[in-house]
């Protein structure tokens, strides 16, 4: 049928060109429609490329080594899962003992402490093969929990505890994982390296960690990080803001403490000011010439951690012998504020 139509159109082509063109269009229209359907549009082509990309296996992220980090070694407390390809009965989840051993079906105890994941896999494969239990075994070891790869973060952090150290991590990473510093955190931090408790590393620390980039040292499994509590001095009595103040440094004077407390009031007995300090022999009182210090007629006095600077009112002169008791009660009720 098609051949007859083509022959007829060729005969008409020489005499009636328009009829010839219409005939050709009618004959080849189905072929053109089929070709158009088989050619993907722009959106279809994009979807095809996206599907091809999704079907490709994901590559490991080099910025997050995690469990695939070849430098990590198994240790006591690590939770591992051992799988033998095509032998589901040998799949085992176990924890490494204190001696570094795991107990597996057929081969019993295997010492994996100190080995990398790849070395542990090779050892288990060898034990299965040498014992004749599995022919050409293929073993995979997955680490569900690296209990032996942790560093302790103690002291003035929001969540003290043991945190995993996977890959290359630094001090500020561990502090961030522990919830950051508390309001009572001091201005120094101590890192005790694993196995070297007699060689602690003391580093400066500030509220803005970017102020001390040199303190962001590498941290290794087994290290202990201690954030020291800040020293506090108390200013109580007839002052503007009776409070406890965190010492930004080890040096704080009476005049500075009075300024932090908002100064003295008009009713303050400047001649009766005292520093109450706890020493080896108990509580002691040291007179402070506050009136002369404020007028620059006497040298300023240094204060120590946990000192109580008590400024009585004028009526306190009638309460002789009760200065210590009144100051201790006021210090107990004082709030703690951070020095801005």
C-alpha atoms as a PDB file:
ATOM      1  CA  UNK A   1       0.000   0.000   0.000  1.00  0.00           C
ATOM      2  CA  UNK A   2       2.750   2.440   0.967  1.00  0.00           C
ATOM      3  CA  UNK A   3       4.716   1.588  -2.224  1.00  0.00           C
ATOM      4  CA  UNK A   4       1.653   2.345  -4.400  1.00  0.00           C
ATOM      5  CA  UNK A   5       1.137   5.673  -2.673  1.00  0.00           C
ATOM      6  CA  UNK A   6       4.773   6.630  -3.123  1.00  0.00           C
ATOM      7  CA  UNK A   7       4.615   5.680  -6.862  1.00  0.00           C
ATOM      8  CA  UNK A   8       1.449   7.710  -7.290  1.00  0.00           C
ATOM      9  CA  UNK A   9       2.923  10.736  -5.568  1.00  0.00           C
ATOM     10  CA  UNK A  10       6.008  10.613  -7.787  1.00  0.00           C
ATOM     11  CA  UNK A  11       3.807  10.629 -10.907  1.00  0.00           C
ATOM     12  CA  UNK A  12       1.861  13.577  -9.579  1.00  0.00           C
ATOM     13  CA  UNK A  13       4.990  15.412  -8.498  1.00  0.00           C
ATOM     14  CA  UNK A  14       5.904  16.467 -11.994  1.00  0.00           C
ATOM     15  CA  UNK A  15       2.411  17.821 -12.734  1.00  0.00           C
ATOM     16  CA  UNK A  16       1.034  18.906  -9.353  1.00  0.00           C
ATOM     17  CA  UNK A  17       3.877  19.821  -6.962  1.00  0.00           C
ATOM     18  CA  UNK A  18       1.569  20.952  -4.138  1.00  0.00           C
ATOM     19  CA  UNK A  19      -0.300  17.661  -4.100  1.00  0.00           C
ATOM     20  CA  UNK A  20       3.059  15.888  -4.116  1.00  0.00           C
ATOM     21  CA  UNK A  21       4.239  17.713  -0.936  1.00  0.00           C
ATOM     22  CA  UNK A  22       0.984  17.052   0.916  1.00  0.00           C
ATOM     23  CA  UNK A  23       1.266  13.357   0.125  1.00  0.00           C
ATOM     24  CA  UNK A  24       4.833  13.178   1.476  1.00  0.00           C
ATOM     25  CA  UNK A  25       3.821  14.932   4.718  1.00  0.00           C
ATOM     26  CA  UNK A  26       0.951  12.499   5.214  1.00  0.00           C
ATOM     27  CA  UNK A  27       3.197   9.490   4.612  1.00  0.00           C
ATOM     28  CA  UNK A  28       6.031  10.439   6.985  1.00  0.00           C
ATOM     29  CA  UNK A  29       4.035  12.137   9.792  1.00  0.00           C
ATOM     30  CA  UNK A  30       3.906   8.957  11.990  1.00  0.00           C
ATOM     31  CA  UNK A  31       7.679   8.550  11.685  1.00  0.00           C
ATOM     32  CA  UNK A  32       8.312  12.144  12.784  1.00  0.00           C
ATOM     33  CA  UNK A  33       5.929  11.767  15.771  1.00  0.00           C
ATOM     34  CA  UNK A  34       7.716   8.620  16.929  1.00  0.00           C
ATOM     35  CA  UNK A  35      11.108  10.326  16.688  1.00  0.00           C
ATOM     36  CA  UNK A  36       9.866  13.327  18.672  1.00  0.00           C
ATOM     37  CA  UNK A  37       8.544  11.059  21.462  1.00  0.00           C
ATOM     38  CA  UNK A  38      11.841   9.165  21.721  1.00  0.00           C
ATOM     39  CA  UNK A  39      13.928  12.391  22.024  1.00  0.00           C
ATOM     40  CA  UNK A  40      14.030  13.617  25.693  1.00  0.00           C
ATOM     41  CA  UNK A  41      13.091  17.204  26.385  1.00  0.00           C
ATOM     42  CA  UNK A  42      15.288  19.533  28.375  1.00  0.00           C
ATOM     43  CA  UNK A  43      13.576  18.737  31.730  1.00  0.00           C
ATOM     44  CA  UNK A  44      13.551  15.004  30.972  1.00  0.00           C
ATOM     45  CA  UNK A  45      17.247  15.111  30.178  1.00  0.00           C
ATOM     46  CA  UNK A  46      17.939  16.894  33.432  1.00  0.00           C
ATOM     47  CA  UNK A  47      15.941  14.311  35.375  1.00  0.00           C
ATOM     48  CA  UNK A  48      17.851  11.535  33.649  1.00  0.00           C
ATOM     49  CA  UNK A  49      21.168  13.095  34.651  1.00  0.00           C
ATOM     50  CA  UNK A  50      19.966  13.534  38.233  1.00  0.00           C
ATOM     51  CA  UNK A  51      18.864   9.904  38.430  1.00  0.00           C
ATOM     52  CA  UNK A  52      22.233   8.818  37.080  1.00  0.00           C
ATOM     53  CA  UNK A  53      23.994  10.867  39.745  1.00  0.00           C
ATOM     54  CA  UNK A  54      21.832   9.457  42.552  1.00  0.00           C
ATOM     55  CA  UNK A  55      22.577   5.922  41.409  1.00  0.00           C
ATOM     56  CA  UNK A  56      26.299   6.484  41.889  1.00  0.00           C
ATOM     57  CA  UNK A  57      27.727   5.387  45.280  1.00  0.00           C
ATOM     58  CA  UNK A  58      28.407   8.151  47.794  1.00  0.00           C
ATOM     59  CA  UNK A  59      32.060   8.951  48.399  1.00  0.00           C
ATOM     60  CA  UNK A  60      33.391   9.335  51.953  1.00  0.00           C
ATOM     61  CA  UNK A  61      33.593  12.877  53.280  1.00  0.00           C
ATOM     62  CA  UNK A  62      37.267  13.692  53.951  1.00  0.00           C
ATOM     63  CA  UNK A  63      36.296  16.415  56.443  1.00  0.00           C
ATOM     64  CA  UNK A  64      34.514  13.876  58.669  1.00  0.00           C
ATOM     65  CA  UNK A  65      36.686  10.768  58.939  1.00  0.00           C
ATOM     66  CA  UNK A  66      34.406   9.108  61.501  1.00  0.00           C
ATOM     67  CA  UNK A  67      34.537   5.370  61.661  1.00  0.00           C
ATOM     68  CA  UNK A  68      36.527   4.976  58.469  1.00  0.00           C
ATOM     69  CA  UNK A  69      39.577   6.807  59.824  1.00  0.00           C
ATOM     70  CA  UNK A  70      42.444   4.299  59.352  1.00  0.00           C
ATOM     71  CA  UNK A  71      44.489   5.893  62.136  1.00  0.00           C
ATOM     72  CA  UNK A  72      42.038   4.894  64.878  1.00  0.00           C
ATOM     73  CA  UNK A  73      42.869   1.797  66.880  1.00  0.00           C
ATOM     74  CA  UNK A  74      40.582  -0.470  68.835  1.00  0.00           C
ATOM     75  CA  UNK A  75      40.746  -0.414  72.604  1.00  0.00           C
ATOM     76  CA  UNK A  76      38.981  -1.481  75.780  1.00  0.00           C
ATOM     77  CA  UNK A  77      35.274  -0.659  75.799  1.00  0.00           C
ATOM     78  CA  UNK A  78      34.869  -0.222  72.039  1.00  0.00           C
ATOM     79  CA  UNK A  79      31.665  -1.716  70.676  1.00  0.00           C
ATOM     80  CA  UNK A  80      32.231  -3.486  67.347  1.00  0.00           C
ATOM     81  CA  UNK A  81      30.099  -5.479  64.923  1.00  0.00           C
ATOM     82  CA  UNK A  82      31.701  -8.368  63.028  1.00  0.00           C
ATOM     83  CA  UNK A  83      30.096  -9.630  59.808  1.00  0.00           C
ATOM     84  CA  UNK A  84      31.180 -12.568  57.645  1.00  0.00           C
ATOM     85  CA  UNK A  85      29.967 -12.328  54.071  1.00  0.00           C
ATOM     86  CA  UNK A  86      27.297 -14.897  53.194  1.00  0.00           C
ATOM     87  CA  UNK A  87      27.431 -16.418  56.700  1.00  0.00           C
ATOM     88  CA  UNK A  88      24.749 -14.581  58.657  1.00  0.00           C
ATOM     89  CA  UNK A  89      25.084 -16.952  61.626  1.00  0.00           C
ATOM     90  CA  UNK A  90      28.515 -15.497  62.433  1.00  0.00           C
ATOM     91  CA  UNK A  91      27.338 -11.879  62.682  1.00  0.00           C
ATOM     92  CA  UNK A  92      28.292 -10.709  66.168  1.00  0.00           C
ATOM     93  CA  UNK A  93      28.131  -7.452  68.106  1.00  0.00           C
ATOM     94  CA  UNK A  94      30.538  -7.413  71.020  1.00  0.00           C
ATOM     95  CA  UNK A  95      32.540  -5.077  73.201  1.00  0.00           C
ATOM     96  CA  UNK A  96      36.332  -5.170  73.505  1.00  0.00           C
ATOM     97  CA  UNK A  97      37.333  -6.392  76.967  1.00  0.00           C
ATOM     98  CA  UNK A  98      39.719  -4.625  79.305  1.00  0.00           C
ATOM     99  CA  UNK A  99      42.512  -6.842  78.019  1.00  0.00           C
ATOM    100  CA  UNK A 100      41.765  -5.966  74.389  1.00  0.00           C
ATOM    101  CA  UNK A 101      40.033  -9.265  73.476  1.00  0.00           C
ATOM    102  CA  UNK A 102      36.719 -10.056  71.769  1.00  0.00           C
ATOM    103  CA  UNK A 103      34.941 -13.393  71.791  1.00  0.00           C
ATOM    104  CA  UNK A 104      33.564 -14.593  68.456  1.00  0.00           C
ATOM    105  CA  UNK A 105      31.728 -17.745  67.331  1.00  0.00           C
ATOM    106  CA  UNK A 106      33.932 -20.709  66.317  1.00  0.00           C
ATOM    107  CA  UNK A 107      37.269 -18.966  66.957  1.00  0.00           C
ATOM    108  CA  UNK A 108      36.638 -17.863  70.581  1.00  0.00           C
ATOM    109  CA  UNK A 109      39.028 -15.170  71.871  1.00  0.00           C
ATOM    110  CA  UNK A 110      40.722 -12.794  69.420  1.00  0.00           C
ATOM    111  CA  UNK A 111      43.065 -10.050  70.608  1.00  0.00           C
ATOM    112  CA  UNK A 112      42.199  -6.874  68.695  1.00  0.00           C
ATOM    113  CA  UNK A 113      43.363  -4.246  71.180  1.00  0.00           C
ATOM    114  CA  UNK A 114      45.747  -1.788  69.531  1.00  0.00           C
ATOM    115  CA  UNK A 115      44.804  -2.904  65.996  1.00  0.00           C
ATOM    116  CA  UNK A 116      43.183  -0.793  63.312  1.00  0.00           C
ATOM    117  CA  UNK A 117      39.876  -1.918  61.827  1.00  0.00           C
ATOM    118  CA  UNK A 118      41.644  -3.272  58.729  1.00  0.00           C
ATOM    119  CA  UNK A 119      44.150  -5.224  60.833  1.00  0.00           C
ATOM    120  CA  UNK A 120      41.362  -6.698  62.955  1.00  0.00           C
ATOM    121  CA  UNK A 121      39.485  -7.789  59.823  1.00  0.00           C
ATOM    122  CA  UNK A 122      42.576  -9.501  58.429  1.00  0.00           C
ATOM    123  CA  UNK A 123      43.248 -11.287  61.732  1.00  0.00           C
ATOM    124  CA  UNK A 124      39.687 -12.606  62.052  1.00  0.00           C
ATOM    125  CA  UNK A 125      39.713 -13.763  58.417  1.00  0.00           C
ATOM    126  CA  UNK A 126      42.965 -15.650  59.038  1.00  0.00           C
ATOM    127  CA  UNK A 127      41.610 -17.343  62.152  1.00  0.00           C
ATOM    128  CA  UNK A 128      38.452 -18.456  60.320  1.00  0.00           C
ATOM    129  CA  UNK A 129      40.447 -19.697  57.336  1.00  0.00           C
ATOM    130  CA  UNK A 130      43.195 -21.467  59.284  1.00  0.00           C
ATOM    131  CA  UNK A 131      40.641 -23.256  61.438  1.00  0.00           C
ATOM    132  CA  UNK A 132      38.824 -24.544  58.363  1.00  0.00           C
ATOM    133  CA  UNK A 133      35.553 -23.019  59.510  1.00  0.00           C
ATOM    134  CA  UNK A 134      34.887 -20.836  56.448  1.00  0.00           C
ATOM    135  CA  UNK A 135      36.445 -21.158  53.017  1.00  0.00           C
ATOM    136  CA  UNK A 136      37.878 -17.844  51.746  1.00  0.00           C
ATOM    137  CA  UNK A 137      36.063 -15.747  54.368  1.00  0.00           C
ATOM    138  CA  UNK A 138      35.432 -12.057  53.831  1.00  0.00           C
ATOM    139  CA  UNK A 139      35.120 -10.235  57.154  1.00  0.00           C
ATOM    140  CA  UNK A 140      34.007  -6.665  57.816  1.00  0.00           C
ATOM    141  CA  UNK A 141      34.337  -4.919  61.171  1.00  0.00           C
ATOM    142  CA  UNK A 142      32.197  -1.886  61.982  1.00  0.00           C
ATOM    143  CA  UNK A 143      32.817   0.226  65.073  1.00  0.00           C
ATOM    144  CA  UNK A 144      29.548   1.293  66.675  1.00  0.00           C
ATOM    145  CA  UNK A 145      31.171   3.102  69.601  1.00  0.00           C
ATOM    146  CA  UNK A 146      34.737   4.275  70.153  1.00  0.00           C
ATOM    147  CA  UNK A 147      34.769   4.217  73.958  1.00  0.00           C
ATOM    148  CA  UNK A 148      38.572   4.126  74.066  1.00  0.00           C
ATOM    149  CA  UNK A 149      38.945   7.173  71.811  1.00  0.00           C
ATOM    150  CA  UNK A 150      37.543   9.713  74.242  1.00  0.00           C
ATOM    151  CA  UNK A 151      38.908  12.709  76.103  1.00  0.00           C
ATOM    152  CA  UNK A 152      37.565  13.853  79.470  1.00  0.00           C
ATOM    153  CA  UNK A 153      36.280  17.429  79.716  1.00  0.00           C
ATOM    154  CA  UNK A 154      35.901  18.476  83.353  1.00  0.00           C
ATOM    155  CA  UNK A 155      35.371  21.619  85.387  1.00  0.00           C
ATOM    156  CA  UNK A 156      33.423  24.693  84.378  1.00  0.00           C
ATOM    157  CA  UNK A 157      31.698  23.466  81.203  1.00  0.00           C
ATOM    158  CA  UNK A 158      27.976  22.981  80.674  1.00  0.00           C
ATOM    159  CA  UNK A 159      28.133  19.197  80.236  1.00  0.00           C
ATOM    160  CA  UNK A 160      31.237  17.613  81.800  1.00  0.00           C
ATOM    161  CA  UNK A 161      31.958  14.110  80.547  1.00  0.00           C
ATOM    162  CA  UNK A 162      33.921  11.957  78.124  1.00  0.00           C
ATOM    163  CA  UNK A 163      33.768  12.938  74.452  1.00  0.00           C
ATOM    164  CA  UNK A 164      34.986  11.007  71.444  1.00  0.00           C
ATOM    165  CA  UNK A 165      38.086  12.190  69.647  1.00  0.00           C
ATOM    166  CA  UNK A 166      37.748  11.017  66.050  1.00  0.00           C
ATOM    167  CA  UNK A 167      40.293  12.155  63.529  1.00  0.00           C
ATOM    168  CA  UNK A 168      42.139  15.411  64.149  1.00  0.00           C
ATOM    169  CA  UNK A 169      40.284  17.441  66.757  1.00  0.00           C
ATOM    170  CA  UNK A 170      41.376  20.465  68.743  1.00  0.00           C
ATOM    171  CA  UNK A 171      40.747  21.851  72.189  1.00  0.00           C
ATOM    172  CA  UNK A 172      37.956  24.240  71.239  1.00  0.00           C
ATOM    173  CA  UNK A 173      36.111  21.413  69.440  1.00  0.00           C
ATOM    174  CA  UNK A 174      35.893  19.441  72.683  1.00  0.00           C
ATOM    175  CA  UNK A 175      34.835  22.486  74.720  1.00  0.00           C
ATOM    176  CA  UNK A 176      32.088  23.172  72.187  1.00  0.00           C
ATOM    177  CA  UNK A 177      30.946  19.531  72.350  1.00  0.00           C
ATOM    178  CA  UNK A 178      30.709  19.907  76.142  1.00  0.00           C
ATOM    179  CA  UNK A 179      28.292  22.819  75.774  1.00  0.00           C
ATOM    180  CA  UNK A 180      30.781  25.638  76.141  1.00  0.00           C
ATOM    181  CA  UNK A 181      32.011  27.483  79.227  1.00  0.00           C
ATOM    182  CA  UNK A 182      29.898  28.327  82.269  1.00  0.00           C
ATOM    183  CA  UNK A 183      29.655  31.783  83.790  1.00  0.00           C
ATOM    184  CA  UNK A 184      32.065  30.738  86.532  1.00  0.00           C
ATOM    185  CA  UNK A 185      34.804  29.562  84.172  1.00  0.00           C
ATOM    186  CA  UNK A 186      38.257  30.914  84.875  1.00  0.00           C
ATOM    187  CA  UNK A 187      40.722  32.397  82.474  1.00  0.00           C
ATOM    188  CA  UNK A 188      42.972  29.378  82.153  1.00  0.00           C
ATOM    189  CA  UNK A 189      42.589  25.771  81.090  1.00  0.00           C
ATOM    190  CA  UNK A 190      44.725  22.734  81.833  1.00  0.00           C
ATOM    191  CA  UNK A 191      45.297  19.804  79.495  1.00  0.00           C
ATOM    192  CA  UNK A 192      46.773  16.653  81.025  1.00  0.00           C
ATOM    193  CA  UNK A 193      48.197  14.414  78.268  1.00  0.00           C
ATOM    194  CA  UNK A 194      47.423  10.730  78.422  1.00  0.00           C
ATOM    195  CA  UNK A 195      50.037   8.852  80.449  1.00  0.00           C
ATOM    196  CA  UNK A 196      51.765  12.086  81.488  1.00  0.00           C
ATOM    197  CA  UNK A 197      49.813  13.500  84.459  1.00  0.00           C
ATOM    198  CA  UNK A 198      53.017  15.079  85.760  1.00  0.00           C
ATOM    199  CA  UNK A 199      53.339  17.247  82.636  1.00  0.00           C
ATOM    200  CA  UNK A 200      50.160  19.349  82.518  1.00  0.00           C
ATOM    201  CA  UNK A 201      49.782  22.058  79.871  1.00  0.00           C
ATOM    202  CA  UNK A 202      48.246  25.317  81.137  1.00  0.00           C
ATOM    203  CA  UNK A 203      46.820  27.662  78.516  1.00  0.00           C
ATOM    204  CA  UNK A 204      45.121  31.091  78.656  1.00  0.00           C
ATOM    205  CA  UNK A 205      41.413  31.200  77.932  1.00  0.00           C
ATOM    206  CA  UNK A 206      38.932  34.020  77.397  1.00  0.00           C
ATOM    207  CA  UNK A 207      35.203  34.321  76.845  1.00  0.00           C
ATOM    208  CA  UNK A 208      35.842  34.856  73.162  1.00  0.00           C
ATOM    209  CA  UNK A 209      37.921  31.839  72.170  1.00  0.00           C
ATOM    210  CA  UNK A 210      39.124  33.665  69.070  1.00  0.00           C
ATOM    211  CA  UNK A 211      41.168  35.935  71.331  1.00  0.00           C
ATOM    212  CA  UNK A 212      43.529  33.037  72.131  1.00  0.00           C
ATOM    213  CA  UNK A 213      43.991  31.029  68.908  1.00  0.00           C
ATOM    214  CA  UNK A 214      47.332  29.706  70.184  1.00  0.00           C
ATOM    215  CA  UNK A 215      45.430  27.859  72.932  1.00  0.00           C
ATOM    216  CA  UNK A 216      43.542  25.733  70.385  1.00  0.00           C
ATOM    217  CA  UNK A 217      46.008  22.854  70.552  1.00  0.00           C
ATOM    218  CA  UNK A 218      45.358  19.325  69.205  1.00  0.00           C
ATOM    219  CA  UNK A 219      43.646  16.900  71.578  1.00  0.00           C
ATOM    220  CA  UNK A 220      44.298  13.165  71.587  1.00  0.00           C
ATOM    221  CA  UNK A 221      42.380  10.170  72.979  1.00  0.00           C
ATOM    222  CA  UNK A 222      42.951   9.750  76.694  1.00  0.00           C
ATOM    223  CA  UNK A 223      43.691  13.436  77.371  1.00  0.00           C
ATOM    224  CA  UNK A 224      42.009  15.186  80.284  1.00  0.00           C
ATOM    225  CA  UNK A 225      40.811  18.772  79.894  1.00  0.00           C
ATOM    226  CA  UNK A 226      40.116  20.789  83.037  1.00  0.00           C
ATOM    227  CA  UNK A 227      38.474  24.215  82.852  1.00  0.00           C
ATOM    228  CA  UNK A 228      39.401  25.974  86.082  1.00  0.00           C
ATOM    229  CA  UNK A 229      36.821  27.801  88.153  1.00  0.00           C
ATOM    230  CA  UNK A 230      37.431  31.526  88.313  1.00  0.00           C
ATOM    231  CA  UNK A 231      38.605  33.098  91.553  1.00  0.00           C
ATOM    232  CA  UNK A 232      35.949  35.139  93.345  1.00  0.00           C
ATOM    233  CA  UNK A 233      36.159  38.095  95.735  1.00  0.00           C
ATOM    234  CA  UNK A 234      33.179  39.369  97.708  1.00  0.00           C
ATOM    235  CA  UNK A 235      32.322  42.998  98.384  1.00  0.00           C
ATOM    236  CA  UNK A 236      29.545  43.326 100.958  1.00  0.00           C
ATOM    237  CA  UNK A 237      28.160  45.895 103.337  1.00  0.00           C
ATOM    238  CA  UNK A 238      27.344  49.530 102.622  1.00  0.00           C
ATOM    239  CA  UNK A 239      28.225  49.564  98.900  1.00  0.00           C
ATOM    240  CA  UNK A 240      26.198  50.143  95.729  1.00  0.00           C
ATOM    241  CA  UNK A 241      26.014  46.504  94.555  1.00  0.00           C
ATOM    242  CA  UNK A 242      27.042  43.934  97.177  1.00  0.00           C
ATOM    243  CA  UNK A 243      28.145  40.971  95.081  1.00  0.00           C
ATOM    244  CA  UNK A 244      30.790  38.400  94.383  1.00  0.00           C
ATOM    245  CA  UNK A 245      33.026  39.247  91.440  1.00  0.00           C
ATOM    246  CA  UNK A 246      34.994  36.891  89.220  1.00  0.00           C
ATOM    247  CA  UNK A 247      38.631  37.855  89.028  1.00  0.00           C
ATOM    248  CA  UNK A 248      39.698  38.335  85.419  1.00  0.00           C
ATOM    249  CA  UNK A 249      43.302  37.902  86.506  1.00  0.00           C
ATOM    250  CA  UNK A 250      45.159  37.058  89.687  1.00  0.00           C
ATOM    251  CA  UNK A 251      45.496  40.762  90.515  1.00  0.00           C
ATOM    252  CA  UNK A 252      42.579  42.675  92.009  1.00  0.00           C
ATOM    253  CA  UNK A 253      42.929  45.512  94.480  1.00  0.00           C
ATOM    254  CA  UNK A 254      40.603  46.976  97.098  1.00  0.00           C
ATOM    255  CA  UNK A 255      40.003  50.079  95.000  1.00  0.00           C
ATOM    256  CA  UNK A 256      39.119  47.997  91.933  1.00  0.00           C
ATOM    257  CA  UNK A 257      36.753  45.824  93.970  1.00  0.00           C
ATOM    258  CA  UNK A 258      34.983  48.889  95.395  1.00  0.00           C
ATOM    259  CA  UNK A 259      34.598  50.277  91.858  1.00  0.00           C
ATOM    260  CA  UNK A 260      33.068  46.983  90.649  1.00  0.00           C
ATOM    261  CA  UNK A 261      30.612  47.117  93.532  1.00  0.00           C
ATOM    262  CA  UNK A 262      29.394  50.560  92.482  1.00  0.00           C
ATOM    263  CA  UNK A 263      31.308  52.475  95.142  1.00  0.00           C
ATOM    264  CA  UNK A 264      30.371  53.141  98.744  1.00  0.00           C
ATOM    265  CA  UNK A 265      27.223  54.887  99.970  1.00  0.00           C
ATOM    266  CA  UNK A 266      27.019  58.091 101.988  1.00  0.00           C
ATOM    267  CA  UNK A 267      26.329  56.159 105.185  1.00  0.00           C
ATOM    268  CA  UNK A 268      29.376  53.880 104.833  1.00  0.00           C
ATOM    269  CA  UNK A 269      31.887  53.838 107.659  1.00  0.00           C
ATOM    270  CA  UNK A 270      35.063  54.054 105.587  1.00  0.00           C
ATOM    271  CA  UNK A 271      37.260  53.802 108.636  1.00  0.00           C
ATOM    272  CA  UNK A 272      35.805  50.432 109.625  1.00  0.00           C
ATOM    273  CA  UNK A 273      36.400  48.555 106.332  1.00  0.00           C
ATOM    274  CA  UNK A 274      38.055  45.178 106.670  1.00  0.00           C
ATOM    275  CA  UNK A 275      39.278  42.266 104.554  1.00  0.00           C
ATOM    276  CA  UNK A 276      38.173  38.934 105.976  1.00  0.00           C
ATOM    277  CA  UNK A 277      40.376  36.108 104.802  1.00  0.00           C
ATOM    278  CA  UNK A 278      40.429  32.393 105.484  1.00  0.00           C
ATOM    279  CA  UNK A 279      43.893  31.091 106.261  1.00  0.00           C
ATOM    280  CA  UNK A 280      45.486  27.987 107.775  1.00  0.00           C
ATOM    281  CA  UNK A 281      44.692  29.268 111.264  1.00  0.00           C
ATOM    282  CA  UNK A 282      41.085  30.154 110.406  1.00  0.00           C
ATOM    283  CA  UNK A 283      39.350  33.421 109.605  1.00  0.00           C
ATOM    284  CA  UNK A 284      41.338  36.641 110.064  1.00  0.00           C
ATOM    285  CA  UNK A 285      40.460  40.329 109.791  1.00  0.00           C
ATOM    286  CA  UNK A 286      42.754  42.912 108.211  1.00  0.00           C
ATOM    287  CA  UNK A 287      41.880  46.627 108.637  1.00  0.00           C
ATOM    288  CA  UNK A 288      41.631  48.606 105.393  1.00  0.00           C
ATOM    289  CA  UNK A 289      42.287  52.356 105.314  1.00  0.00           C
ATOM    290  CA  UNK A 290      39.580  52.773 102.731  1.00  0.00           C
ATOM    291  CA  UNK A 291      39.091  56.499 103.334  1.00  0.00           C
ATOM    292  CA  UNK A 292      42.771  57.230 102.715  1.00  0.00           C
ATOM    293  CA  UNK A 293      42.916  54.849  99.728  1.00  0.00           C
ATOM    294  CA  UNK A 294      39.990  56.655  98.089  1.00  0.00           C
ATOM    295  CA  UNK A 295      41.818  59.974  98.615  1.00  0.00           C
ATOM    296  CA  UNK A 296      45.109  58.529  97.295  1.00  0.00           C
ATOM    297  CA  UNK A 297      46.757  59.090 100.689  1.00  0.00           C
ATOM    298  CA  UNK A 298      47.452  55.385 101.297  1.00  0.00           C
ATOM    299  CA  UNK A 299      48.631  52.589  98.987  1.00  0.00           C
ATOM    300  CA  UNK A 300      46.033  50.322  97.435  1.00  0.00           C
ATOM    301  CA  UNK A 301      45.837  46.814  98.889  1.00  0.00           C
ATOM    302  CA  UNK A 302      45.848  43.594  96.842  1.00  0.00           C
ATOM    303  CA  UNK A 303      43.081  41.055  97.332  1.00  0.00           C
ATOM    304  CA  UNK A 304      43.192  37.281  97.080  1.00  0.00           C
ATOM    305  CA  UNK A 305      40.719  34.684  95.926  1.00  0.00           C
ATOM    306  CA  UNK A 306      37.762  34.221  98.316  1.00  0.00           C
ATOM    307  CA  UNK A 307      38.539  37.433 100.204  1.00  0.00           C
ATOM    308  CA  UNK A 308      35.576  39.299 101.691  1.00  0.00           C
ATOM    309  CA  UNK A 309      35.790  43.091 101.674  1.00  0.00           C
ATOM    310  CA  UNK A 310      33.324  44.352 104.279  1.00  0.00           C
ATOM    311  CA  UNK A 311      32.320  48.013 104.410  1.00  0.00           C
ATOM    312  CA  UNK A 312      30.131  48.643 107.490  1.00  0.00           C
ATOM    313  CA  UNK A 313      27.636  51.443 107.984  1.00  0.00           C
ATOM    314  CA  UNK A 314      28.144  54.138 110.563  1.00  0.00           C
ATOM    315  CA  UNK A 315      25.896  52.350 113.060  1.00  0.00           C
ATOM    316  CA  UNK A 316      28.216  49.346 112.939  1.00  0.00           C
ATOM    317  CA  UNK A 317      30.507  51.062 115.448  1.00  0.00           C
ATOM    318  CA  UNK A 318      28.033  50.116 118.161  1.00  0.00           C
ATOM    319  CA  UNK A 319      28.281  46.447 117.124  1.00  0.00           C
ATOM    320  CA  UNK A 320      31.843  45.877 118.254  1.00  0.00           C
ATOM    321  CA  UNK A 321      32.874  42.233 118.108  1.00  0.00           C
ATOM    322  CA  UNK A 322      30.208  41.316 115.547  1.00  0.00           C
ATOM    323  CA  UNK A 323      31.987  42.560 112.418  1.00  0.00           C
ATOM    324  CA  UNK A 324      33.055  39.063 111.349  1.00  0.00           C
ATOM    325  CA  UNK A 325      29.598  37.566 111.876  1.00  0.00           C
ATOM    326  CA  UNK A 326      27.836  40.321 109.930  1.00  0.00           C
ATOM    327  CA  UNK A 327      30.287  40.108 107.064  1.00  0.00           C
ATOM    328  CA  UNK A 328      29.943  36.334 106.747  1.00  0.00           C
ATOM    329  CA  UNK A 329      26.149  36.592 106.640  1.00  0.00           C
ATOM    330  CA  UNK A 330      26.321  39.263 103.928  1.00  0.00           C
ATOM    331  CA  UNK A 331      28.812  37.284 101.860  1.00  0.00           C
ATOM    332  CA  UNK A 332      26.601  34.210 101.995  1.00  0.00           C
ATOM    333  CA  UNK A 333      23.678  36.196 100.577  1.00  0.00           C
ATOM    334  CA  UNK A 334      25.733  37.953  97.880  1.00  0.00           C
ATOM    335  CA  UNK A 335      25.214  37.001  94.260  1.00  0.00           C
ATOM    336  CA  UNK A 336      28.065  36.147  91.918  1.00  0.00           C
ATOM    337  CA  UNK A 337      28.541  38.303  88.848  1.00  0.00           C
ATOM    338  CA  UNK A 338      31.106  38.188  86.104  1.00  0.00           C
ATOM    339  CA  UNK A 339      33.419  41.090  85.566  1.00  0.00           C
ATOM    340  CA  UNK A 340      32.537  42.624  82.153  1.00  0.00           C
END
